[in-house]
Amino acid sequence: MFVQVIAGRTADPGGLRAALDRWVQDLAPGATGWLGTTAGVTEDGRAIAVARFESEDAARRNSERPEQDRWWTETARLFEGEATFLDSSDVTADLQGDPDRAGFVQVMQGRGTDPDRARQLMAQDSDKWAAFRPDVLGSLAIGHEGGAYTMVMYFTSEAEAREGERKEVPPELKAKMDEMDKISIGEPEFFDLKQPQIVSPSA
């Protein structure tokens, strides 16, 4: 899988939502290899979108389409300043349910000292995590250069996600969380998408 992460600031969340709706209607049918997009805007105007493709080649073919270029030229005007792009083929999907049905999405961006160990920790005890946090429908872990990462978490609802955050973590799982904290650099940035736009070819 190959992922493009686009982020920026906007004063027009509705305009961005309409732009993605237009893309799905008009451009998605010709976007061979497109697997889906998760997007949204935080309450303070930070926009982020995560577009998934079967391969880097599929993403490149999509970017090279004239209609894609026209669409982005129009959409870019909805951002305040330049949007940033992060591409990655270091992608791990962990699905407990159907992320397309998520009512709340939280995106985290940060940096760590040991990406390989972080991947190992995230791959462990998935059944125990699923039992402990049934509100989590799935996650997408995306690695970038220099230990940077983007993590996309899909929840049934914001209320259930907040309730899950307050639960006491079992000792075995807490030990792994503590180790993750030790290999993290600084505090991650959180994007709380209370009205996520989750679209896919099958949706």
Protein backbone atom coordinates (compact mmCIF):
# COMPACT_ATOMS: atom_id res chain seq x y z
CA MET A 1 0.00 0.00 0.00
CA PHE A 2 1.08 3.58 -0.69
CA VAL A 3 -0.24 6.61 1.17
CA GLN A 4 -0.30 10.36 0.57
CA VAL A 5 -0.86 12.59 3.62
CA ILE A 6 -1.94 16.15 2.80
CA ALA A 7 -2.21 18.75 5.57
CA GLY A 8 -2.74 22.48 5.90
CA ARG A 9 -4.97 25.16 7.38
CA THR A 10 -8.35 26.24 6.06
CA ALA A 11 -11.12 28.67 6.91
CA ASP A 12 -13.55 26.77 4.68
CA PRO A 13 -14.13 23.20 5.98
CA GLY A 14 -17.34 22.97 3.96
CA GLY A 15 -15.49 23.87 0.78
CA LEU A 16 -12.95 21.10 1.35
CA ARG A 17 -15.70 18.58 2.03
CA ALA A 18 -17.46 19.59 -1.19
CA ALA A 19 -14.16 19.35 -3.10
CA LEU A 20 -13.61 15.76 -1.97
CA ASP A 21 -17.22 14.92 -2.83
CA ARG A 22 -16.59 16.27 -6.34
CA TRP A 23 -13.40 14.21 -6.59
CA VAL A 24 -15.24 11.03 -5.61
CA GLN A 25 -18.02 11.68 -8.11
CA ASP A 26 -16.01 12.93 -11.06
CA LEU A 27 -12.43 11.65 -10.71
CA ALA A 28 -12.55 8.50 -8.58
CA PRO A 29 -13.95 6.31 -11.39
CA GLY A 30 -10.74 6.89 -13.37
CA ALA A 31 -8.35 6.64 -10.40
CA THR A 32 -7.06 3.09 -10.92
CA GLY A 33 -5.59 1.67 -7.72
CA TRP A 34 -7.21 4.18 -5.38
CA LEU A 35 -8.26 2.38 -2.16
CA GLY A 36 -9.87 5.17 -0.17
CA THR A 37 -9.44 8.54 1.52
CA THR A 38 -9.98 9.72 5.09
CA ALA A 39 -10.18 13.48 5.54
CA GLY A 40 -11.43 16.15 7.89
CA VAL A 41 -10.86 19.49 9.56
CA THR A 42 -10.30 20.11 13.27
CA GLU A 43 -12.30 22.72 15.18
CA ASP A 44 -9.30 25.10 14.96
CA GLY A 45 -9.03 24.83 11.17
CA ARG A 46 -6.30 22.23 10.67
CA ALA A 47 -7.12 20.08 7.65
CA ILE A 48 -5.68 16.65 6.95
CA ALA A 49 -6.36 13.97 4.34
CA VAL A 50 -4.93 10.47 4.02
CA ALA A 51 -5.30 8.94 0.55
CA ARG A 52 -4.53 5.24 0.08
CA PHE A 53 -3.41 3.60 -3.17
CA GLU A 54 -2.44 0.08 -4.16
CA SER A 55 1.05 1.25 -5.10
CA GLU A 56 3.25 4.29 -5.63
CA ASP A 57 2.85 3.80 -9.37
CA ALA A 58 -0.96 3.99 -9.05
CA ALA A 59 -0.67 7.22 -7.04
CA ARG A 60 1.70 8.71 -9.61
CA ARG A 61 -0.62 7.82 -12.50
CA ASN A 62 -3.46 9.53 -10.67
CA SER A 63 -1.38 12.67 -10.03
CA GLU A 64 -0.43 12.87 -13.70
CA ARG A 65 -4.02 13.00 -14.95
CA PRO A 66 -4.94 16.46 -16.32
CA GLU A 67 -8.29 16.37 -14.53
CA GLN A 68 -6.50 15.68 -11.24
CA ASP A 69 -4.26 18.69 -11.80
CA ARG A 70 -7.26 20.92 -12.49
CA TRP A 71 -9.07 19.64 -9.41
CA TRP A 72 -6.08 20.26 -7.14
CA THR A 73 -5.50 23.77 -8.56
CA GLU A 74 -9.04 24.66 -7.51
CA THR A 75 -8.87 22.83 -4.17
CA ALA A 76 -5.51 24.37 -3.20
CA ARG A 77 -7.20 27.77 -3.05
CA LEU A 78 -9.17 26.56 -0.03
CA PHE A 79 -5.98 26.32 2.04
CA GLU A 80 -4.36 29.20 3.88
CA GLY A 81 -0.84 29.08 2.49
CA GLU A 82 0.71 25.95 1.05
CA ALA A 83 -0.49 22.46 1.92
CA THR A 84 2.18 19.90 2.85
CA PHE A 85 2.51 16.47 1.24
CA LEU A 86 4.03 13.35 2.81
CA ASP A 87 4.27 10.16 0.74
CA SER A 88 4.99 6.72 2.19
CA SER A 89 4.99 3.05 1.29
CA ASP A 90 5.73 2.14 4.95
CA VAL A 91 2.11 1.45 5.85
CA THR A 92 0.60 -0.99 8.36
CA ALA A 93 -3.16 -1.48 8.55
CA ASP A 94 -4.75 -3.07 11.63
CA LEU A 95 -8.48 -3.65 11.26
CA GLN A 96 -10.78 -4.86 14.03
CA GLY A 97 -13.94 -3.65 12.33
CA ASP A 98 -15.02 -1.54 9.37
CA PRO A 99 -13.22 1.86 9.44
CA ASP A 100 -15.64 3.17 6.81
CA ARG A 101 -18.29 3.17 9.56
CA ALA A 102 -16.24 5.29 11.97
CA GLY A 103 -18.00 8.26 13.55
CA PHE A 104 -14.80 9.80 14.89
CA VAL A 105 -11.22 9.76 13.60
CA GLN A 106 -8.08 10.85 15.41
CA VAL A 107 -4.87 11.44 13.48
CA MET A 108 -1.56 11.71 15.33
CA GLN A 109 1.69 12.96 13.85
CA GLY A 110 4.96 12.71 15.73
CA ARG A 111 8.48 11.35 15.72
CA GLY A 112 10.26 8.46 17.42
CA THR A 113 13.78 7.19 17.96
CA ASP A 114 13.19 3.54 16.99
CA PRO A 115 10.55 3.01 14.25
CA ASP A 116 11.31 -0.73 13.99
CA ARG A 117 10.66 -1.28 17.71
CA ALA A 118 7.51 0.85 17.50
CA ARG A 119 6.21 -1.40 14.72
CA GLN A 120 6.97 -4.50 16.81
CA LEU A 121 5.12 -3.11 19.80
CA MET A 122 2.08 -2.14 17.73
CA ALA A 123 1.92 -5.63 16.21
CA GLN A 124 1.79 -7.35 19.60
CA ASP A 125 -1.36 -8.31 21.53
CA SER A 126 -3.78 -7.05 18.89
CA ASP A 127 -6.46 -9.40 20.24
CA LYS A 128 -6.04 -8.01 23.77
CA TRP A 129 -6.19 -4.43 22.50
CA ALA A 130 -9.34 -5.24 20.54
CA ALA A 131 -10.97 -6.70 23.65
CA PHE A 132 -9.89 -3.73 25.79
CA ARG A 133 -10.92 -1.04 23.29
CA PRO A 134 -13.92 -2.30 21.26
CA ASP A 135 -14.51 1.33 20.23
CA VAL A 136 -11.45 1.12 17.94
CA LEU A 137 -12.49 -0.08 14.48
CA GLY A 138 -8.98 0.00 13.06
CA SER A 139 -5.79 1.95 12.59
CA LEU A 140 -3.33 2.93 9.90
CA ALA A 141 0.33 3.41 10.88
CA ILE A 142 2.39 5.35 8.33
CA GLY A 143 6.15 5.76 8.59
CA HIS A 144 8.02 8.75 7.18
CA GLU A 145 11.69 9.71 6.94
CA GLY A 146 13.69 10.46 10.08
CA GLY A 147 11.46 8.49 12.42
CA ALA A 148 8.39 10.64 11.73
CA TYR A 149 5.01 8.95 11.62
CA THR A 150 1.31 9.48 11.00
CA MET A 151 -1.18 7.31 12.87
CA VAL A 152 -4.85 7.23 11.89
CA MET A 153 -7.26 5.81 14.49
CA TYR A 154 -10.87 4.97 13.58
CA PHE A 155 -13.46 4.97 16.40
CA THR A 156 -17.13 4.06 16.57
CA SER A 157 -17.90 7.51 18.04
CA GLU A 158 -16.17 10.32 19.90
CA ALA A 159 -18.15 9.60 23.08
CA GLU A 160 -17.04 5.95 23.10
CA ALA A 161 -13.45 6.95 22.28
CA ARG A 162 -13.34 9.35 25.25
CA GLU A 163 -14.86 6.69 27.49
CA GLY A 164 -12.20 4.24 26.32
CA GLU A 165 -9.44 6.73 27.09
CA ARG A 166 -10.57 6.85 30.71
CA LYS A 167 -10.41 3.09 31.22
CA GLU A 168 -7.55 1.69 33.31
CA VAL A 169 -5.09 -0.05 31.01
CA PRO A 170 -4.20 -3.65 31.97
CA PRO A 171 -0.59 -3.94 33.25
CA GLU A 172 0.67 -5.96 30.26
CA LEU A 173 -0.65 -3.43 27.76
CA LYS A 174 0.44 -0.46 29.88
CA ALA A 175 4.02 -1.74 29.84
CA LYS A 176 3.99 -1.56 26.04
CA MET A 177 2.46 1.92 26.13
CA ASP A 178 5.19 3.05 28.51
CA GLU A 179 7.87 1.69 26.18
CA MET A 180 6.26 3.50 23.25
CA ASP A 181 6.41 6.73 25.26
CA LYS A 182 10.12 6.20 25.94
CA ILE A 183 10.97 5.98 22.24
CA SER A 184 8.84 9.01 21.33
CA ILE A 185 10.37 12.45 20.77
CA GLY A 186 8.32 15.28 22.21
CA GLU A 187 4.55 15.44 22.10
CA PRO A 188 2.64 14.29 19.00
CA GLU A 189 0.19 16.59 17.22
CA PHE A 190 -3.42 15.43 17.39
CA PHE A 191 -6.07 16.05 14.74
CA ASP A 192 -9.53 15.29 16.16
CA LEU A 193 -11.87 14.83 13.20
CA LYS A 194 -15.36 15.03 14.68
CA GLN A 195 -17.01 14.96 11.25
CA PRO A 196 -14.67 12.68 9.30
CA GLN A 197 -15.11 12.20 5.58
CA ILE A 198 -14.37 8.55 4.84
CA VAL A 199 -14.74 7.55 1.21
CA SER A 200 -13.71 4.46 -0.77
CA PRO A 201 -14.51 2.84 -4.12
CA SER A 202 -17.04 0.55 -2.44
CA ALA A 203 -18.68 3.25 -0.31
